[in-house]
Amino acid sequence: CHDAFIDRVSNGAGLLSNYTYNELLKFNFGSK
């Protein structure tokens, strides 16, 4: 992931380092 925050690159929000890997898997980092 390029950004420190996942807002721009996914449908999630917040600081990437505040999430576990399994929590990040809940978000879409691609397109619809």
PDB file of all heavy atoms in Angstrom:
ATOM      1  N   CYS A   1       0.856  -1.190   0.000  1.00  0.00           N
ATOM      2  CA  CYS A   1       0.000   0.000   0.000  1.00  0.00           C
ATOM      3  C   CYS A   1       0.889   1.234   0.000  1.00  0.00           C
ATOM      4  O   CYS A   1       1.837   1.319   0.793  1.00  0.00           O
ATOM      5  CB  CYS A   1      -0.930  -0.001   1.210  1.00  0.00           C
ATOM      6  SG  CYS A   1      -2.169   1.315   1.185  1.00  0.00           S
ATOM      7  N   HIS A   2       0.571   2.204  -0.851  1.00  0.00           N
ATOM      8  CA  HIS A   2       1.376   3.410  -0.905  1.00  0.00           C
ATOM      9  C   HIS A   2       1.082   4.352   0.257  1.00  0.00           C
ATOM     10  O   HIS A   2       1.988   4.872   0.914  1.00  0.00           O
ATOM     11  CB  HIS A   2       1.143   4.158  -2.227  1.00  0.00           C
ATOM     12  CG  HIS A   2       1.890   5.454  -2.314  1.00  0.00           C
ATOM     13  ND1 HIS A   2       1.354   6.655  -1.883  1.00  0.00           N
ATOM     14  CD2 HIS A   2       3.139   5.740  -2.759  1.00  0.00           C
ATOM     15  CE1 HIS A   2       2.230   7.617  -2.069  1.00  0.00           C
ATOM     16  NE2 HIS A   2       3.328   7.096  -2.593  1.00  0.00           N
ATOM     17  N   ASP A   3      -0.185   4.586   0.535  1.00  0.00           N
ATOM     18  CA  ASP A   3      -0.579   5.606   1.501  1.00  0.00           C
ATOM     19  C   ASP A   3      -0.557   5.070   2.930  1.00  0.00           C
ATOM     20  O   ASP A   3      -0.855   3.903   3.177  1.00  0.00           O
ATOM     21  CB  ASP A   3      -1.988   6.119   1.199  1.00  0.00           C
ATOM     22  CG  ASP A   3      -2.096   6.771  -0.171  1.00  0.00           C
ATOM     23  OD1 ASP A   3      -1.076   6.830  -0.899  1.00  0.00           O
ATOM     24  OD2 ASP A   3      -3.198   7.237  -0.508  1.00  0.00           O
ATOM     25  N   ALA A   4      -0.272   5.974   3.855  1.00  0.00           N
ATOM     26  CA  ALA A   4      -0.349   5.618   5.267  1.00  0.00           C
ATOM     27  C   ALA A   4      -1.804   5.402   5.687  1.00  0.00           C
ATOM     28  O   ALA A   4      -2.097   4.547   6.528  1.00  0.00           O
ATOM     29  CB  ALA A   4       0.289   6.699   6.129  1.00  0.00           C
ATOM     30  N   PHE A   5      -2.714   6.167   5.078  1.00  0.00           N
ATOM     31  CA  PHE A   5      -4.146   6.015   5.330  1.00  0.00           C
ATOM     32  C   PHE A   5      -4.770   5.280   4.140  1.00  0.00           C
ATOM     33  O   PHE A   5      -4.375   5.492   2.992  1.00  0.00           O
ATOM     34  CB  PHE A   5      -4.813   7.380   5.503  1.00  0.00           C
ATOM     35  CG  PHE A   5      -4.461   8.063   6.802  1.00  0.00           C
ATOM     36  CD1 PHE A   5      -3.269   8.767   6.937  1.00  0.00           C
ATOM     37  CD2 PHE A   5      -5.317   7.985   7.890  1.00  0.00           C
ATOM     38  CE1 PHE A   5      -2.936   9.394   8.133  1.00  0.00           C
ATOM     39  CE2 PHE A   5      -5.000   8.611   9.096  1.00  0.00           C
ATOM     40  CZ  PHE A   5      -3.803   9.315   9.218  1.00  0.00           C
ATOM     41  N   ILE A   6      -5.775   4.446   4.414  1.00  0.00           N
ATOM     42  CA  ILE A   6      -6.345   3.616   3.349  1.00  0.00           C
ATOM     43  C   ILE A   6      -7.529   4.267   2.648  1.00  0.00           C
ATOM     44  O   ILE A   6      -8.101   3.672   1.727  1.00  0.00           O
ATOM     45  CB  ILE A   6      -6.750   2.228   3.902  1.00  0.00           C
ATOM     46  CG1 ILE A   6      -7.886   2.362   4.941  1.00  0.00           C
ATOM     47  CG2 ILE A   6      -5.548   1.516   4.497  1.00  0.00           C
ATOM     48  CD1 ILE A   6      -8.462   1.022   5.379  1.00  0.00           C
ATOM     49  N   ASP A   7      -7.886   5.488   3.010  1.00  0.00           N
ATOM     50  CA  ASP A   7      -9.080   6.142   2.477  1.00  0.00           C
ATOM     51  C   ASP A   7      -9.075   6.248   0.951  1.00  0.00           C
ATOM     52  O   ASP A   7     -10.075   5.956   0.290  1.00  0.00           O
ATOM     53  CB  ASP A   7      -9.236   7.548   3.075  1.00  0.00           C
ATOM     54  CG  ASP A   7      -9.274   7.536   4.601  1.00  0.00           C
ATOM     55  OD1 ASP A   7      -8.344   6.967   5.223  1.00  0.00           O
ATOM     56  OD2 ASP A   7     -10.226   8.099   5.165  1.00  0.00           O
ATOM     57  N   ARG A   8      -7.959   6.677   0.361  1.00  0.00           N
ATOM     58  CA  ARG A   8      -7.897   6.894  -1.089  1.00  0.00           C
ATOM     59  C   ARG A   8      -7.884   5.597  -1.877  1.00  0.00           C
ATOM     60  O   ARG A   8      -8.414   5.533  -2.991  1.00  0.00           O
ATOM     61  CB  ARG A   8      -6.647   7.721  -1.449  1.00  0.00           C
ATOM     62  CG  ARG A   8      -6.498   8.012  -2.949  1.00  0.00           C
ATOM     63  CD  ARG A   8      -5.190   8.734  -3.259  1.00  0.00           C
ATOM     64  NE  ARG A   8      -4.036   7.890  -3.023  1.00  0.00           N
ATOM     65  CZ  ARG A   8      -3.529   7.042  -3.913  1.00  0.00           C
ATOM     66  NH1 ARG A   8      -4.100   6.907  -5.113  1.00  0.00           N
ATOM     67  NH2 ARG A   8      -2.460   6.314  -3.629  1.00  0.00           N
ATOM     68  N   VAL A   9      -7.302   4.565  -1.306  1.00  0.00           N
ATOM     69  CA  VAL A   9      -7.029   3.348  -2.074  1.00  0.00           C
ATOM     70  C   VAL A   9      -7.984   2.193  -1.766  1.00  0.00           C
ATOM     71  O   VAL A   9      -7.808   1.098  -2.299  1.00  0.00           O
ATOM     72  CB  VAL A   9      -5.569   2.889  -1.857  1.00  0.00           C
ATOM     73  CG1 VAL A   9      -4.596   3.916  -2.427  1.00  0.00           C
ATOM     74  CG2 VAL A   9      -5.289   2.650  -0.374  1.00  0.00           C
ATOM     75  N   SER A  10      -8.966   2.424  -0.926  1.00  0.00           N
ATOM     76  CA  SER A  10      -9.899   1.349  -0.586  1.00  0.00           C
ATOM     77  C   SER A  10     -11.247   1.944  -0.206  1.00  0.00           C
ATOM     78  O   SER A  10     -11.427   3.162  -0.181  1.00  0.00           O
ATOM     79  CB  SER A  10      -9.354   0.523   0.586  1.00  0.00           C
ATOM     80  OG  SER A  10      -9.554   1.202   1.818  1.00  0.00           O
ATOM     81  N   ASN A  11     -12.183   1.078   0.130  1.00  0.00           N
ATOM     82  CA  ASN A  11     -13.475   1.551   0.638  1.00  0.00           C
ATOM     83  C   ASN A  11     -13.495   1.583   2.165  1.00  0.00           C
ATOM     84  O   ASN A  11     -14.542   1.683   2.792  1.00  0.00           O
ATOM     85  CB  ASN A  11     -14.622   0.679   0.117  1.00  0.00           C
ATOM     86  CG  ASN A  11     -14.490  -0.780   0.526  1.00  0.00           C
ATOM     87  OD1 ASN A  11     -13.459  -1.195   1.061  1.00  0.00           O
ATOM     88  ND2 ASN A  11     -15.521  -1.567   0.269  1.00  0.00           N
ATOM     89  N   GLY A  12     -12.307   1.518   2.754  1.00  0.00           N
ATOM     90  CA  GLY A  12     -12.159   1.664   4.193  1.00  0.00           C
ATOM     91  C   GLY A  12     -11.641   3.055   4.533  1.00  0.00           C
ATOM     92  O   GLY A  12     -11.548   3.925   3.668  1.00  0.00           O
ATOM     93  N   ALA A  13     -11.312   3.253   5.775  1.00  0.00           N
ATOM     94  CA  ALA A  13     -10.815   4.559   6.217  1.00  0.00           C
ATOM     95  C   ALA A  13      -9.901   4.372   7.415  1.00  0.00           C
ATOM     96  O   ALA A  13     -10.021   3.405   8.171  1.00  0.00           O
ATOM     97  CB  ALA A  13     -11.979   5.479   6.570  1.00  0.00           C
ATOM     98  N   GLY A  14      -8.982   5.301   7.555  1.00  0.00           N
ATOM     99  CA  GLY A  14      -8.121   5.299   8.727  1.00  0.00           C
ATOM    100  C   GLY A  14      -6.684   4.902   8.433  1.00  0.00           C
ATOM    101  O   GLY A  14      -6.309   4.612   7.294  1.00  0.00           O
ATOM    102  N   LEU A  15      -5.888   4.888   9.463  1.00  0.00           N
ATOM    103  CA  LEU A  15      -4.468   4.580   9.373  1.00  0.00           C
ATOM    104  C   LEU A  15      -4.256   3.082   9.200  1.00  0.00           C
ATOM    105  O   LEU A  15      -4.775   2.283   9.995  1.00  0.00           O
ATOM    106  CB  LEU A  15      -3.773   5.076  10.644  1.00  0.00           C
ATOM    107  CG  LEU A  15      -2.254   5.195  10.649  1.00  0.00           C
ATOM    108  CD1 LEU A  15      -1.778   6.214   9.620  1.00  0.00           C
ATOM    109  CD2 LEU A  15      -1.772   5.579  12.042  1.00  0.00           C
ATOM    110  N   LEU A  16      -3.524   2.717   8.173  1.00  0.00           N
ATOM    111  CA  LEU A  16      -3.307   1.291   7.887  1.00  0.00           C
ATOM    112  C   LEU A  16      -2.703   0.570   9.083  1.00  0.00           C
ATOM    113  O   LEU A  16      -3.096  -0.560   9.399  1.00  0.00           O
ATOM    114  CB  LEU A  16      -2.400   1.156   6.662  1.00  0.00           C
ATOM    115  CG  LEU A  16      -2.120  -0.269   6.164  1.00  0.00           C
ATOM    116  CD1 LEU A  16      -1.924  -0.282   4.655  1.00  0.00           C
ATOM    117  CD2 LEU A  16      -0.887  -0.880   6.831  1.00  0.00           C
ATOM    118  N   SER A  17      -1.761   1.199   9.745  1.00  0.00           N
ATOM    119  CA  SER A  17      -1.054   0.538  10.850  1.00  0.00           C
ATOM    120  C   SER A  17      -1.933   0.297  12.069  1.00  0.00           C
ATOM    121  O   SER A  17      -1.521  -0.389  13.006  1.00  0.00           O
ATOM    122  CB  SER A  17       0.173   1.363  11.250  1.00  0.00           C
ATOM    123  OG  SER A  17      -0.208   2.668  11.649  1.00  0.00           O
ATOM    124  N   ASN A  18      -3.149   0.830  12.049  1.00  0.00           N
ATOM    125  CA  ASN A  18      -4.091   0.569  13.148  1.00  0.00           C
ATOM    126  C   ASN A  18      -4.918  -0.690  12.914  1.00  0.00           C
ATOM    127  O   ASN A  18      -5.694  -1.093  13.780  1.00  0.00           O
ATOM    128  CB  ASN A  18      -5.037   1.757  13.341  1.00  0.00           C
ATOM    129  CG  ASN A  18      -4.351   2.932  14.020  1.00  0.00           C
ATOM    130  OD1 ASN A  18      -3.323   2.776  14.669  1.00  0.00           O
ATOM    131  ND2 ASN A  18      -4.921   4.122  13.863  1.00  0.00           N
ATOM    132  N   TYR A  19      -4.773  -1.298  11.730  1.00  0.00           N
ATOM    133  CA  TYR A  19      -5.530  -2.495  11.365  1.00  0.00           C
ATOM    134  C   TYR A  19      -4.644  -3.731  11.387  1.00  0.00           C
ATOM    135  O   TYR A  19      -3.460  -3.676  11.027  1.00  0.00           O
ATOM    136  CB  TYR A  19      -6.107  -2.365   9.962  1.00  0.00           C
ATOM    137  CG  TYR A  19      -7.244  -1.390   9.814  1.00  0.00           C
ATOM    138  CD1 TYR A  19      -7.022  -0.097   9.341  1.00  0.00           C
ATOM    139  CD2 TYR A  19      -8.552  -1.754  10.115  1.00  0.00           C
ATOM    140  CE1 TYR A  19      -8.064   0.800   9.175  1.00  0.00           C
ATOM    141  CE2 TYR A  19      -9.609  -0.868   9.956  1.00  0.00           C
ATOM    142  CZ  TYR A  19      -9.347   0.415   9.484  1.00  0.00           C
ATOM    143  OH  TYR A  19     -10.383   1.302   9.329  1.00  0.00           O
ATOM    144  N   THR A  20      -5.220  -4.866  11.752  1.00  0.00           N
ATOM    145  CA  THR A  20      -4.549  -6.144  11.527  1.00  0.00           C
ATOM    146  C   THR A  20      -4.757  -6.528  10.054  1.00  0.00           C
ATOM    147  O   THR A  20      -5.605  -5.957   9.365  1.00  0.00           O
ATOM    148  CB  THR A  20      -5.139  -7.253  12.418  1.00  0.00           C
ATOM    149  OG1 THR A  20      -6.499  -7.499  12.012  1.00  0.00           O
ATOM    150  CG2 THR A  20      -5.086  -6.866  13.880  1.00  0.00           C
ATOM    151  N   TYR A  21      -3.983  -7.517   9.619  1.00  0.00           N
ATOM    152  CA  TYR A  21      -4.132  -7.955   8.225  1.00  0.00           C
ATOM    153  C   TYR A  21      -5.538  -8.488   7.965  1.00  0.00           C
ATOM    154  O   TYR A  21      -6.162  -8.153   6.952  1.00  0.00           O
ATOM    155  CB  TYR A  21      -3.087  -9.020   7.910  1.00  0.00           C
ATOM    156  CG  TYR A  21      -3.264  -9.654   6.557  1.00  0.00           C
ATOM    157  CD1 TYR A  21      -3.184  -8.890   5.397  1.00  0.00           C
ATOM    158  CD2 TYR A  21      -3.546 -11.024   6.444  1.00  0.00           C
ATOM    159  CE1 TYR A  21      -3.362  -9.473   4.148  1.00  0.00           C
ATOM    160  CE2 TYR A  21      -3.725 -11.605   5.201  1.00  0.00           C
ATOM    161  CZ  TYR A  21      -3.628 -10.820   4.057  1.00  0.00           C
ATOM    162  OH  TYR A  21      -3.822 -11.392   2.831  1.00  0.00           O
ATOM    163  N   ASN A  22      -6.067  -9.284   8.865  1.00  0.00           N
ATOM    164  CA  ASN A  22      -7.413  -9.834   8.672  1.00  0.00           C
ATOM    165  C   ASN A  22      -8.473  -8.743   8.634  1.00  0.00           C
ATOM    166  O   ASN A  22      -9.470  -8.858   7.908  1.00  0.00           O
ATOM    167  CB  ASN A  22      -7.732 -10.847   9.777  1.00  0.00           C
ATOM    168  CG  ASN A  22      -7.061 -12.190   9.539  1.00  0.00           C
ATOM    169  OD1 ASN A  22      -6.749 -12.540   8.407  1.00  0.00           O
ATOM    170  ND2 ASN A  22      -6.836 -12.936  10.607  1.00  0.00           N
ATOM    171  N   GLU A  23      -8.278  -7.693   9.393  1.00  0.00           N
ATOM    172  CA  GLU A  23      -9.215  -6.567   9.357  1.00  0.00           C
ATOM    173  C   GLU A  23      -9.151  -5.851   8.013  1.00  0.00           C
ATOM    174  O   GLU A  23     -10.177  -5.436   7.460  1.00  0.00           O
ATOM    175  CB  GLU A  23      -8.918  -5.596  10.496  1.00  0.00           C
ATOM    176  CG  GLU A  23      -9.299  -6.145  11.868  1.00  0.00           C
ATOM    177  CD  GLU A  23      -8.805  -5.285  13.015  1.00  0.00           C
ATOM    178  OE1 GLU A  23      -7.853  -4.488  12.807  1.00  0.00           O
ATOM    179  OE2 GLU A  23      -9.351  -5.416  14.121  1.00  0.00           O
ATOM    180  N   LEU A  24      -7.960  -5.721   7.447  1.00  0.00           N
ATOM    181  CA  LEU A  24      -7.803  -5.068   6.143  1.00  0.00           C
ATOM    182  C   LEU A  24      -8.451  -5.882   5.026  1.00  0.00           C
ATOM    183  O   LEU A  24      -8.882  -5.311   4.013  1.00  0.00           O
ATOM    184  CB  LEU A  24      -6.315  -4.847   5.837  1.00  0.00           C
ATOM    185  CG  LEU A  24      -5.616  -3.762   6.652  1.00  0.00           C
ATOM    186  CD1 LEU A  24      -4.109  -3.818   6.432  1.00  0.00           C
ATOM    187  CD2 LEU A  24      -6.145  -2.378   6.288  1.00  0.00           C
ATOM    188  N   LEU A  25      -8.532  -7.190   5.201  1.00  0.00           N
ATOM    189  CA  LEU A  25      -9.131  -8.049   4.185  1.00  0.00           C
ATOM    190  C   LEU A  25     -10.631  -7.790   4.005  1.00  0.00           C
ATOM    191  O   LEU A  25     -11.218  -8.213   3.011  1.00  0.00           O
ATOM    192  CB  LEU A  25      -8.910  -9.519   4.527  1.00  0.00           C
ATOM    193  CG  LEU A  25      -7.479 -10.046   4.380  1.00  0.00           C
ATOM    194  CD1 LEU A  25      -7.405 -11.497   4.813  1.00  0.00           C
ATOM    195  CD2 LEU A  25      -6.973  -9.874   2.956  1.00  0.00           C
ATOM    196  N   LYS A  26     -11.230  -7.072   4.914  1.00  0.00           N
ATOM    197  CA  LYS A  26     -12.648  -6.743   4.805  1.00  0.00           C
ATOM    198  C   LYS A  26     -12.906  -5.655   3.765  1.00  0.00           C
ATOM    199  O   LYS A  26     -14.029  -5.468   3.320  1.00  0.00           O
ATOM    200  CB  LYS A  26     -13.183  -6.280   6.166  1.00  0.00           C
ATOM    201  CG  LYS A  26     -13.077  -7.321   7.264  1.00  0.00           C
ATOM    202  CD  LYS A  26     -13.507  -6.736   8.606  1.00  0.00           C
ATOM    203  CE  LYS A  26     -13.313  -7.736   9.734  1.00  0.00           C
ATOM    204  NZ  LYS A  26     -13.652  -7.127  11.064  1.00  0.00           N
ATOM    205  N   PHE A  27     -11.843  -4.938   3.372  1.00  0.00           N
ATOM    206  CA  PHE A  27     -11.999  -3.804   2.473  1.00  0.00           C
ATOM    207  C   PHE A  27     -11.627  -4.170   1.035  1.00  0.00           C
ATOM    208  O   PHE A  27     -10.832  -5.079   0.789  1.00  0.00           O
ATOM    209  CB  PHE A  27     -11.135  -2.635   2.939  1.00  0.00           C
ATOM    210  CG  PHE A  27     -11.398  -2.206   4.355  1.00  0.00           C
ATOM    211  CD1 PHE A  27     -10.382  -2.197   5.295  1.00  0.00           C
ATOM    212  CD2 PHE A  27     -12.674  -1.818   4.744  1.00  0.00           C
ATOM    213  CE1 PHE A  27     -10.620  -1.806   6.599  1.00  0.00           C
ATOM    214  CE2 PHE A  27     -12.929  -1.424   6.049  1.00  0.00           C
ATOM    215  CZ  PHE A  27     -11.904  -1.419   6.986  1.00  0.00           C
ATOM    216  N   ASN A  28     -12.189  -3.423   0.092  1.00  0.00           N
ATOM    217  CA  ASN A  28     -11.882  -3.597  -1.328  1.00  0.00           C
ATOM    218  C   ASN A  28     -10.828  -2.573  -1.730  1.00  0.00           C
ATOM    219  O   ASN A  28     -11.066  -1.363  -1.685  1.00  0.00           O
ATOM    220  CB  ASN A  28     -13.149  -3.404  -2.163  1.00  0.00           C
ATOM    221  CG  ASN A  28     -12.905  -3.596  -3.645  1.00  0.00           C
ATOM    222  OD1 ASN A  28     -11.865  -4.113  -4.054  1.00  0.00           O
ATOM    223  ND2 ASN A  28     -13.864  -3.182  -4.469  1.00  0.00           N
ATOM    224  N   PHE A  29      -9.670  -3.064  -2.135  1.00  0.00           N
ATOM    225  CA  PHE A  29      -8.590  -2.194  -2.591  1.00  0.00           C
ATOM    226  C   PHE A  29      -8.565  -2.092  -4.115  1.00  0.00           C
ATOM    227  O   PHE A  29      -7.656  -1.505  -4.682  1.00  0.00           O
ATOM    228  CB  PHE A  29      -7.244  -2.687  -2.051  1.00  0.00           C
ATOM    229  CG  PHE A  29      -7.008  -2.321  -0.611  1.00  0.00           C
ATOM    230  CD1 PHE A  29      -7.642  -3.023   0.413  1.00  0.00           C
ATOM    231  CD2 PHE A  29      -6.185  -1.263  -0.272  1.00  0.00           C
ATOM    232  CE1 PHE A  29      -7.456  -2.682   1.740  1.00  0.00           C
ATOM    233  CE2 PHE A  29      -5.981  -0.907   1.052  1.00  0.00           C
ATOM    234  CZ  PHE A  29      -6.619  -1.620   2.065  1.00  0.00           C
ATOM    235  N   GLY A  30      -9.559  -2.679  -4.755  1.00  0.00           N
ATOM    236  CA  GLY A  30      -9.702  -2.568  -6.200  1.00  0.00           C
ATOM    237  C   GLY A  30     -10.883  -1.686  -6.546  1.00  0.00           C
ATOM    238  O   GLY A  30     -11.176  -0.707  -5.847  1.00  0.00           O
ATOM    239  N   SER A  31     -11.572  -2.028  -7.600  1.00  0.00           N
ATOM    240  CA  SER A  31     -12.753  -1.284  -8.042  1.00  0.00           C
ATOM    241  C   SER A  31     -13.981  -2.177  -7.891  1.00  0.00           C
ATOM    242  O   SER A  31     -13.869  -3.371  -7.559  1.00  0.00           O
ATOM    243  CB  SER A  31     -12.597  -0.865  -9.500  1.00  0.00           C
ATOM    244  OG  SER A  31     -12.520  -2.016 -10.335  1.00  0.00           O
ATOM    245  N   LYS A  32     -15.130  -1.621  -8.181  1.00  0.00           N
ATOM    246  CA  LYS A  32     -16.357  -2.425  -8.160  1.00  0.00           C
ATOM    247  C   LYS A  32     -16.288  -3.493  -9.244  1.00  0.00           C
ATOM    248  O   LYS A  32     -16.716  -4.638  -9.047  1.00  0.00           O
ATOM    249  CB  LYS A  32     -17.568  -1.524  -8.388  1.00  0.00           C
ATOM    250  CG  LYS A  32     -18.899  -2.250  -8.386  1.00  0.00           C
ATOM    251  CD  LYS A  32     -20.056  -1.297  -8.620  1.00  0.00           C
ATOM    252  CE  LYS A  32     -21.381  -2.042  -8.662  1.00  0.00           C
ATOM    253  NZ  LYS A  32     -22.536  -1.103  -8.918  1.00  0.00           N
TER     254      LYS A  32
END
